[in-house]
């Protein structure tokens, strides 16, 4: 069995005007759907970022994979490194954190190779990662302050959420529709006292749901400590309140709330410094930039050795990514926190059949060979056409925010 052809399809998927400390989500999120065709007819699926730097890295690497045995993952890594000798980050200038293009591209191709391996041996992908530590994977509600609708458009079905009370109503809908048993708020949007009030009202409305808030480094150290003191005993964890390892360590020393990160520990060689400085207690994994599914299980083992918790990060994504997340989460014994997911915000997919449906906030691990999902070519073509029509090649939350507020400036920290 050898790789015969690689097909990359950039797609645009509808997104909601969700707010963060850098601005607001544009009408479309960008993804790349990957199909790897083998000479025996087996096809492996993957999904990755759709930003121009990531897409170019995928395009530069894809031709070099022809002839590769999809079981030879070590050789895959070497071919990626050779194809992308300059490495470098993938994120736009408006992003707060960056990721190595080689890690992103390797991960993007590792997933379809593992999908192929699972199909070849007739086993679900989780079995290639050591087997399931759990049969269902729990996810949490991802709450966002948001505008009523996109610029110049009518309100969407979620409406405006710009106050503590409307955020509680958003949470009620997530819990009612999906059964989520934990709640995470994207913070750094409203002034600190309003976000404190929001978390306290969520605690009142959901007394038994673990609560988290993530301002993406949108607070100063002083603001972060002030908020942490107000929310002692309320939060399960506080995610990336500030930018930088030393700043995180300063906040961590001032609160008993565990600090989590997907912004200051992005690579393996950053773990030691985080432990030495006592900057974080929980690392959020994400196979897209940690170097794949197997690297994510390796990250969890290191976290276990250093007495760090493990959670899972998310960005706007489709069902191929959700399937991969579910397999790797199921194969990670010490991933004890509910995983993040944007999937309920997406509302569309490229996979065959119905959308994934959460039951009591969790998903069963797919039991078909490989990832356990297949591609709907008609849906894929539709979102590929939308990509061409949208004419967007990079995410820029700040520029889009300026359409709503011409005087808006990107400031991190903002508060």
Protein backbone atom coordinates (compact mmCIF):
# COMPACT_ATOMS: atom_id res chain seq x y z
CA UNK A 1 0.00 0.00 0.00
CA UNK A 2 1.40 3.38 -1.09
CA UNK A 3 0.10 6.92 -1.31
CA UNK A 4 -0.90 7.64 -4.89
CA UNK A 5 -2.56 11.06 -4.69
CA UNK A 6 -3.27 13.83 -2.17
CA UNK A 7 -6.24 16.18 -2.59
CA UNK A 8 -6.53 19.42 -0.63
CA UNK A 9 -9.84 21.30 -0.60
CA UNK A 10 -10.00 24.67 1.16
CA UNK A 11 -13.51 25.42 2.39
CA UNK A 12 -15.37 28.29 4.01
CA UNK A 13 -18.03 27.50 6.58
CA UNK A 14 -20.55 29.95 8.04
CA UNK A 15 -19.55 31.40 11.39
CA UNK A 16 -21.34 33.55 13.94
CA UNK A 17 -20.20 37.05 15.06
CA UNK A 18 -18.53 35.72 18.21
CA UNK A 19 -16.49 38.19 20.24
CA UNK A 20 -13.03 37.86 21.77
CA UNK A 21 -10.30 40.17 23.02
CA UNK A 22 -9.03 40.72 19.45
CA UNK A 23 -12.36 41.51 17.80
CA UNK A 24 -15.13 39.41 16.29
CA UNK A 25 -15.39 36.33 14.08
CA UNK A 26 -15.90 37.00 10.38
CA UNK A 27 -18.88 35.52 8.50
CA UNK A 28 -16.78 32.55 7.41
CA UNK A 29 -14.28 30.26 9.12
CA UNK A 30 -11.63 28.63 6.92
CA UNK A 31 -10.67 24.96 6.95
CA UNK A 32 -8.83 22.57 4.64
CA UNK A 33 -10.23 19.10 3.99
CA UNK A 34 -7.58 16.49 3.13
CA UNK A 35 -8.04 13.27 1.17
CA UNK A 36 -5.14 10.83 0.79
CA UNK A 37 -5.69 8.18 -1.88
CA UNK A 38 -3.74 4.91 -1.80
CA UNK A 39 -3.00 2.60 -4.71
CA UNK A 40 -5.30 -0.09 -3.29
CA UNK A 41 -8.28 2.27 -3.25
CA UNK A 42 -8.17 3.16 0.46
CA UNK A 43 -8.85 6.82 1.21
CA UNK A 44 -7.84 8.61 4.40
CA UNK A 45 -9.49 11.82 5.62
CA UNK A 46 -8.12 14.78 7.51
CA UNK A 47 -9.00 18.38 8.35
CA UNK A 48 -6.77 21.31 9.22
CA UNK A 49 -6.56 25.08 9.23
CA UNK A 50 -7.54 27.05 6.14
CA UNK A 51 -5.34 30.11 6.66
CA UNK A 52 -3.04 30.94 3.78
CA UNK A 53 0.22 29.96 5.53
CA UNK A 54 -1.12 26.60 6.65
CA UNK A 55 -2.67 25.94 3.24
CA UNK A 56 0.57 26.81 1.47
CA UNK A 57 2.49 24.46 3.75
CA UNK A 58 0.05 21.68 2.94
CA UNK A 59 0.35 22.40 -0.79
CA UNK A 60 4.15 22.47 -0.68
CA UNK A 61 4.28 19.13 1.15
CA UNK A 62 1.50 17.14 -0.56
CA UNK A 63 3.47 16.18 -3.73
CA UNK A 64 6.33 14.81 -1.63
CA UNK A 65 4.04 12.21 -0.04
CA UNK A 66 3.52 10.26 -3.26
CA UNK A 67 4.88 6.75 -2.82
CA UNK A 68 4.91 6.90 0.98
CA UNK A 69 3.71 3.88 2.94
CA UNK A 70 0.95 5.37 5.16
CA UNK A 71 2.12 3.16 8.03
CA UNK A 72 5.53 4.86 7.99
CA UNK A 73 4.74 7.88 10.15
CA UNK A 74 8.40 8.55 10.97
CA UNK A 75 9.15 8.90 7.28
CA UNK A 76 6.12 11.16 6.92
CA UNK A 77 7.68 13.49 9.48
CA UNK A 78 10.99 13.54 7.61
CA UNK A 79 9.28 14.34 4.32
CA UNK A 80 7.39 17.23 5.95
CA UNK A 81 10.60 18.66 7.42
CA UNK A 82 12.37 18.38 4.09
CA UNK A 83 9.51 20.01 2.20
CA UNK A 84 9.34 22.92 4.66
CA UNK A 85 12.95 23.71 5.60
CA UNK A 86 12.11 27.20 6.84
CA UNK A 87 9.32 26.10 9.18
CA UNK A 88 7.88 29.24 10.70
CA UNK A 89 4.51 30.16 12.16
CA UNK A 90 1.13 29.91 10.49
CA UNK A 91 -0.99 32.50 12.23
CA UNK A 92 -1.96 35.95 10.99
CA UNK A 93 -0.48 39.05 12.61
CA UNK A 94 -3.66 39.52 14.63
CA UNK A 95 -3.27 36.16 16.37
CA UNK A 96 -2.07 36.10 19.97
CA UNK A 97 -0.12 32.83 19.75
CA UNK A 98 1.63 31.09 16.86
CA UNK A 99 2.30 27.52 15.79
CA UNK A 100 5.08 25.85 13.80
CA UNK A 101 3.99 25.19 10.25
CA UNK A 102 5.88 21.86 10.29
CA UNK A 103 3.88 20.65 13.31
CA UNK A 104 0.61 21.78 11.73
CA UNK A 105 1.34 20.15 8.38
CA UNK A 106 2.61 16.92 9.91
CA UNK A 107 -0.51 16.63 12.04
CA UNK A 108 -2.73 17.40 9.07
CA UNK A 109 -1.28 14.44 7.16
CA UNK A 110 -0.82 12.11 10.13
CA UNK A 111 -4.57 11.94 10.75
CA UNK A 112 -5.50 10.65 7.27
CA UNK A 113 -2.57 8.20 7.40
CA UNK A 114 -3.92 6.84 10.70
CA UNK A 115 -7.40 6.76 9.15
CA UNK A 116 -5.93 4.62 6.37
CA UNK A 117 -4.17 2.36 8.87
CA UNK A 118 -7.40 1.81 10.79
CA UNK A 119 -9.26 0.96 7.61
CA UNK A 120 -6.48 -1.41 6.52
CA UNK A 121 -6.62 -3.43 9.74
CA UNK A 122 -10.35 -3.03 10.32
CA UNK A 123 -10.01 -1.25 13.67
CA UNK A 124 -11.15 2.18 14.94
CA UNK A 125 -8.42 4.78 15.18
CA UNK A 126 -8.57 4.81 18.99
CA UNK A 127 -7.16 1.27 18.94
CA UNK A 128 -4.05 2.55 17.13
CA UNK A 129 -3.51 4.98 20.01
CA UNK A 130 -3.57 2.31 22.71
CA UNK A 131 -7.27 1.59 22.94
CA UNK A 132 -10.08 3.44 24.70
CA UNK A 133 -9.72 4.55 28.30
CA UNK A 134 -13.40 5.57 28.05
CA UNK A 135 -16.25 4.72 25.69
CA UNK A 136 -17.69 8.25 25.65
CA UNK A 137 -15.89 11.60 25.59
CA UNK A 138 -17.35 14.58 27.45
CA UNK A 139 -17.38 18.05 25.92
CA UNK A 140 -18.31 21.40 27.42
CA UNK A 141 -20.41 24.33 26.24
CA UNK A 142 -18.30 27.08 24.68
CA UNK A 143 -20.01 30.38 25.49
CA UNK A 144 -19.36 33.63 23.61
CA UNK A 145 -20.51 37.19 23.87
CA UNK A 146 -21.77 38.03 20.40
CA UNK A 147 -23.39 40.60 18.19
CA UNK A 148 -26.95 39.99 17.02
CA UNK A 149 -25.86 39.35 13.46
CA UNK A 150 -23.08 39.95 10.98
CA UNK A 151 -22.43 43.46 9.71
CA UNK A 152 -25.36 44.64 7.60
CA UNK A 153 -27.33 41.43 8.16
CA UNK A 154 -30.42 40.47 10.14
CA UNK A 155 -29.99 38.93 13.62
CA UNK A 156 -29.16 35.23 13.66
CA UNK A 157 -31.09 32.67 15.69
CA UNK A 158 -28.83 33.20 18.74
CA UNK A 159 -29.38 36.94 18.87
CA UNK A 160 -27.30 39.49 20.74
CA UNK A 161 -25.46 38.36 23.87
CA UNK A 162 -23.76 41.35 25.48
CA UNK A 163 -24.74 41.12 29.14
CA UNK A 164 -24.53 38.68 32.07
CA UNK A 165 -28.25 37.89 31.86
CA UNK A 166 -28.27 37.13 28.13
CA UNK A 167 -25.17 34.96 28.61
CA UNK A 168 -27.07 32.89 31.17
CA UNK A 169 -29.81 32.38 28.58
CA UNK A 170 -27.22 31.28 26.00
CA UNK A 171 -25.89 28.76 28.51
CA UNK A 172 -29.40 27.46 29.19
CA UNK A 173 -29.85 26.80 25.48
CA UNK A 174 -26.55 24.92 25.23
CA UNK A 175 -27.40 22.78 28.23
CA UNK A 176 -30.95 22.15 27.02
CA UNK A 177 -29.99 21.23 23.46
CA UNK A 178 -26.76 19.33 24.06
CA UNK A 179 -26.77 18.35 27.73
CA UNK A 180 -23.38 19.94 28.40
CA UNK A 181 -22.23 19.50 31.98
CA UNK A 182 -19.55 22.20 32.06
CA UNK A 183 -19.46 25.79 30.79
CA UNK A 184 -16.59 27.85 29.40
CA UNK A 185 -16.82 31.57 28.65
CA UNK A 186 -14.66 33.38 26.12
CA UNK A 187 -13.71 36.41 28.17
CA UNK A 188 -11.67 39.55 27.70
CA UNK A 189 -14.61 41.18 25.89
CA UNK A 190 -16.60 43.15 28.45
CA UNK A 191 -15.12 45.18 31.28
CA UNK A 192 -13.82 42.94 34.08
CA UNK A 193 -16.60 43.57 36.61
CA UNK A 194 -19.23 42.58 34.04
CA UNK A 195 -17.40 39.35 33.29
CA UNK A 196 -17.14 38.64 37.02
CA UNK A 197 -20.88 39.24 37.29
CA UNK A 198 -21.42 36.91 34.34
CA UNK A 199 -19.52 34.06 36.00
CA UNK A 200 -21.34 34.59 39.29
CA UNK A 201 -24.72 34.51 37.55
CA UNK A 202 -23.71 31.36 35.68
CA UNK A 203 -22.76 29.80 39.01
CA UNK A 204 -26.15 30.77 40.45
CA UNK A 205 -28.01 29.34 37.44
CA UNK A 206 -25.84 26.22 37.19
CA UNK A 207 -24.66 25.39 40.72
CA UNK A 208 -23.16 22.01 39.78
CA UNK A 209 -21.57 22.78 36.38
CA UNK A 210 -17.79 23.32 36.38
CA UNK A 211 -17.09 26.85 35.11
CA UNK A 212 -14.11 28.26 33.21
CA UNK A 213 -13.22 31.58 31.61
CA UNK A 214 -10.63 32.23 28.90
CA UNK A 215 -9.76 35.85 28.00
CA UNK A 216 -6.90 34.84 25.66
CA UNK A 217 -4.38 36.91 27.56
CA UNK A 218 -6.70 39.92 27.46
CA UNK A 219 -6.02 41.05 31.05
CA UNK A 220 -3.06 42.66 32.76
CA UNK A 221 -1.55 40.83 35.71
CA UNK A 222 -3.28 43.23 38.11
CA UNK A 223 -6.67 42.73 36.47
CA UNK A 224 -6.22 38.95 36.37
CA UNK A 225 -5.41 38.79 40.08
CA UNK A 226 -8.38 41.03 40.88
CA UNK A 227 -10.74 38.78 38.89
CA UNK A 228 -9.24 35.58 40.31
CA UNK A 229 -9.82 36.80 43.87
CA UNK A 230 -13.44 37.57 43.04
CA UNK A 231 -13.93 34.13 41.53
CA UNK A 232 -12.16 31.97 44.13
CA UNK A 233 -14.26 28.87 44.68
CA UNK A 234 -16.26 29.55 41.51
CA UNK A 235 -13.95 28.48 38.66
CA UNK A 236 -12.78 24.99 37.77
CA UNK A 237 -9.82 26.67 36.09
CA UNK A 238 -8.76 30.04 34.68
CA UNK A 239 -7.35 29.83 31.18
CA UNK A 240 -4.66 32.16 29.82
CA UNK A 241 -5.60 35.25 31.82
CA UNK A 242 -2.34 37.00 30.81
CA UNK A 243 0.36 36.85 28.14
CA UNK A 244 3.77 35.35 28.91
CA UNK A 245 5.23 32.67 31.16
CA UNK A 246 6.41 35.04 33.89
CA UNK A 247 3.10 36.89 33.98
CA UNK A 248 1.22 33.58 34.27
CA UNK A 249 3.51 32.55 37.13
CA UNK A 250 2.78 35.82 38.93
CA UNK A 251 -0.98 35.28 38.65
CA UNK A 252 -0.67 31.61 39.62
CA UNK A 253 1.16 32.59 42.82
CA UNK A 254 -1.68 34.92 43.79
CA UNK A 255 -4.63 32.52 43.47
CA UNK A 256 -5.66 28.99 44.37
CA UNK A 257 -7.54 28.68 41.06
CA UNK A 258 -5.58 26.40 38.70
CA UNK A 259 -4.30 28.19 35.60
CA UNK A 260 -4.67 26.48 32.23
CA UNK A 261 -3.04 27.35 28.92
CA UNK A 262 -3.04 26.82 25.20
CA UNK A 263 -1.01 29.97 24.60
CA UNK A 264 2.20 29.77 26.63
CA UNK A 265 2.81 26.02 26.43
CA UNK A 266 2.51 25.22 22.74
CA UNK A 267 5.51 22.93 22.27
CA UNK A 268 7.24 20.21 24.24
CA UNK A 269 10.30 22.28 25.09
CA UNK A 270 8.11 24.82 26.90
CA UNK A 271 6.79 22.35 29.46
CA UNK A 272 9.91 22.38 31.65
CA UNK A 273 9.88 26.17 32.06
CA UNK A 274 6.16 26.14 32.90
CA UNK A 275 6.74 23.54 35.60
CA UNK A 276 9.84 25.24 36.97
CA UNK A 277 8.08 28.60 37.22
CA UNK A 278 4.81 27.07 38.47
CA UNK A 279 3.04 29.02 35.75
CA UNK A 280 0.31 26.51 34.88
CA UNK A 281 -1.44 23.45 36.26
CA UNK A 282 -3.37 22.38 33.14
CA UNK A 283 -2.24 22.14 29.51
CA UNK A 284 -4.81 22.19 26.72
CA UNK A 285 -3.84 19.78 23.99
CA UNK A 286 -4.76 20.20 20.33
CA UNK A 287 -3.52 17.69 17.78
CA UNK A 288 -3.54 20.33 15.02
CA UNK A 289 -0.48 22.11 16.41
CA UNK A 290 1.00 19.70 18.97
CA UNK A 291 2.18 17.51 16.11
CA UNK A 292 -0.63 15.00 15.68
CA UNK A 293 -2.68 12.45 17.55
CA UNK A 294 0.22 10.36 18.83
CA UNK A 295 2.08 13.46 19.95
CA UNK A 296 -1.04 14.48 21.88
CA UNK A 297 -0.98 11.20 23.82
CA UNK A 298 2.73 11.77 24.46
CA UNK A 299 1.94 15.26 25.78
CA UNK A 300 -0.57 13.73 28.18
CA UNK A 301 2.06 11.29 29.48
CA UNK A 302 4.46 14.15 30.16
CA UNK A 303 1.74 16.10 31.92
CA UNK A 304 1.05 13.07 34.07
CA UNK A 305 4.74 12.85 34.98
CA UNK A 306 4.84 16.54 35.95
CA UNK A 307 1.52 16.42 37.82
CA UNK A 308 -0.20 18.67 35.27
CA UNK A 309 -3.81 18.27 34.23
CA UNK A 310 -4.85 17.83 30.59
CA UNK A 311 -7.76 19.44 28.80
CA UNK A 312 -8.43 19.96 25.08
CA UNK A 313 -8.48 23.16 23.01
CA UNK A 314 -10.78 23.85 20.08
CA UNK A 315 -11.24 26.26 17.21
CA UNK A 316 -13.95 26.44 14.54
CA UNK A 317 -14.03 22.99 12.98
CA UNK A 318 -15.98 20.31 11.13
CA UNK A 319 -16.80 16.68 11.90
CA UNK A 320 -13.52 15.20 10.64
CA UNK A 321 -11.68 17.13 13.34
CA UNK A 322 -14.35 16.29 15.92
CA UNK A 323 -13.94 12.58 15.16
CA UNK A 324 -10.15 12.86 15.54
CA UNK A 325 -10.54 14.78 18.82
CA UNK A 326 -12.89 12.12 20.15
CA UNK A 327 -10.53 9.26 19.31
CA UNK A 328 -7.48 10.88 20.91
CA UNK A 329 -9.45 12.02 23.98
CA UNK A 330 -10.77 8.49 24.44
CA UNK A 331 -7.21 7.15 24.31
CA UNK A 332 -5.90 9.62 26.92
CA UNK A 333 -6.54 8.25 30.43
CA UNK A 334 -5.59 11.44 32.28
CA UNK A 335 -7.69 13.79 30.14
CA UNK A 336 -10.16 14.32 32.98
CA UNK A 337 -11.65 17.68 31.98
CA UNK A 338 -14.48 18.14 29.50
CA UNK A 339 -13.05 19.01 26.08
CA UNK A 340 -13.67 22.29 24.28
CA UNK A 341 -15.56 22.26 20.99
CA UNK A 342 -16.92 24.90 18.60
CA UNK A 343 -18.97 22.29 16.77
CA UNK A 344 -22.42 23.43 18.01
CA UNK A 345 -21.68 26.91 16.65
CA UNK A 346 -20.85 25.53 13.21
CA UNK A 347 -24.16 23.90 12.35
CA UNK A 348 -22.89 22.41 9.07
CA UNK A 349 -20.56 19.61 8.06
CA UNK A 350 -18.92 17.82 5.13
CA UNK A 351 -19.39 14.29 6.46
CA UNK A 352 -22.01 11.82 5.30
CA UNK A 353 -25.17 11.50 7.35
CA UNK A 354 -26.36 13.66 10.20
CA UNK A 355 -24.25 16.01 12.26
CA UNK A 356 -22.63 14.65 15.40
CA UNK A 357 -25.14 14.85 18.24
CA UNK A 358 -24.09 15.23 21.86
CA UNK A 359 -25.89 13.14 24.43
CA UNK A 360 -25.56 14.45 27.99
CA UNK A 361 -22.70 16.55 26.65
CA UNK A 362 -20.71 13.58 25.36
CA UNK A 363 -20.01 11.62 22.19
CA UNK A 364 -19.57 7.90 21.75
CA UNK A 365 -16.20 6.95 20.29
CA UNK A 366 -16.76 6.04 16.61
CA UNK A 367 -16.46 2.26 16.25
CA UNK A 368 -16.05 1.96 12.48
CA UNK A 369 -12.55 1.41 11.04
CA UNK A 370 -10.30 4.47 11.05
CA UNK A 371 -11.86 7.80 11.98
CA UNK A 372 -15.31 6.33 11.44
CA UNK A 373 -16.56 9.13 9.19
CA UNK A 374 -16.87 9.46 5.41
CA UNK A 375 -16.96 12.48 3.15
CA UNK A 376 -20.03 13.86 1.39
CA UNK A 377 -18.60 15.14 -1.88
CA UNK A 378 -21.64 17.27 -2.68
CA UNK A 379 -21.37 19.12 0.64
CA UNK A 380 -17.61 19.47 0.19
CA UNK A 381 -18.07 21.02 -3.26
CA UNK A 382 -20.60 23.47 -1.86
CA UNK A 383 -18.27 24.76 0.85
CA UNK A 384 -15.35 24.82 -1.60
CA UNK A 385 -17.46 27.07 -3.84
CA UNK A 386 -18.25 29.24 -0.83
CA UNK A 387 -14.51 29.56 -0.18
CA UNK A 388 -14.00 30.92 -3.69
CA UNK A 389 -16.99 33.26 -3.38
CA UNK A 390 -15.98 34.56 0.06
CA UNK A 391 -12.56 35.67 -1.16
CA UNK A 392 -11.07 35.40 2.33
CA UNK A 393 -7.65 33.82 2.83
CA UNK A 394 -6.87 34.80 6.42
CA UNK A 395 -8.76 35.28 9.65
CA UNK A 396 -8.70 38.85 10.91
CA UNK A 397 -11.04 39.45 13.86
CA UNK A 398 -9.71 42.99 14.38
CA UNK A 399 -10.32 44.22 10.85
CA UNK A 400 -13.84 42.82 10.88
CA UNK A 401 -14.54 44.43 14.27
CA UNK A 402 -13.61 47.78 12.74
CA UNK A 403 -16.60 47.48 10.41
CA UNK A 404 -18.81 47.56 13.51
CA UNK A 405 -16.63 50.09 15.37
CA UNK A 406 -14.23 52.10 13.14
CA UNK A 407 -12.31 53.29 16.20
CA UNK A 408 -11.60 49.79 17.52
CA UNK A 409 -7.94 48.99 18.15
CA UNK A 410 -6.32 45.65 18.82
CA UNK A 411 -4.86 45.72 22.34
CA UNK A 412 -3.64 42.66 24.18
CA UNK A 413 -3.98 43.02 27.09
CA UNK A 414 -7.17 45.03 26.70
CA UNK A 415 -8.19 45.34 30.35
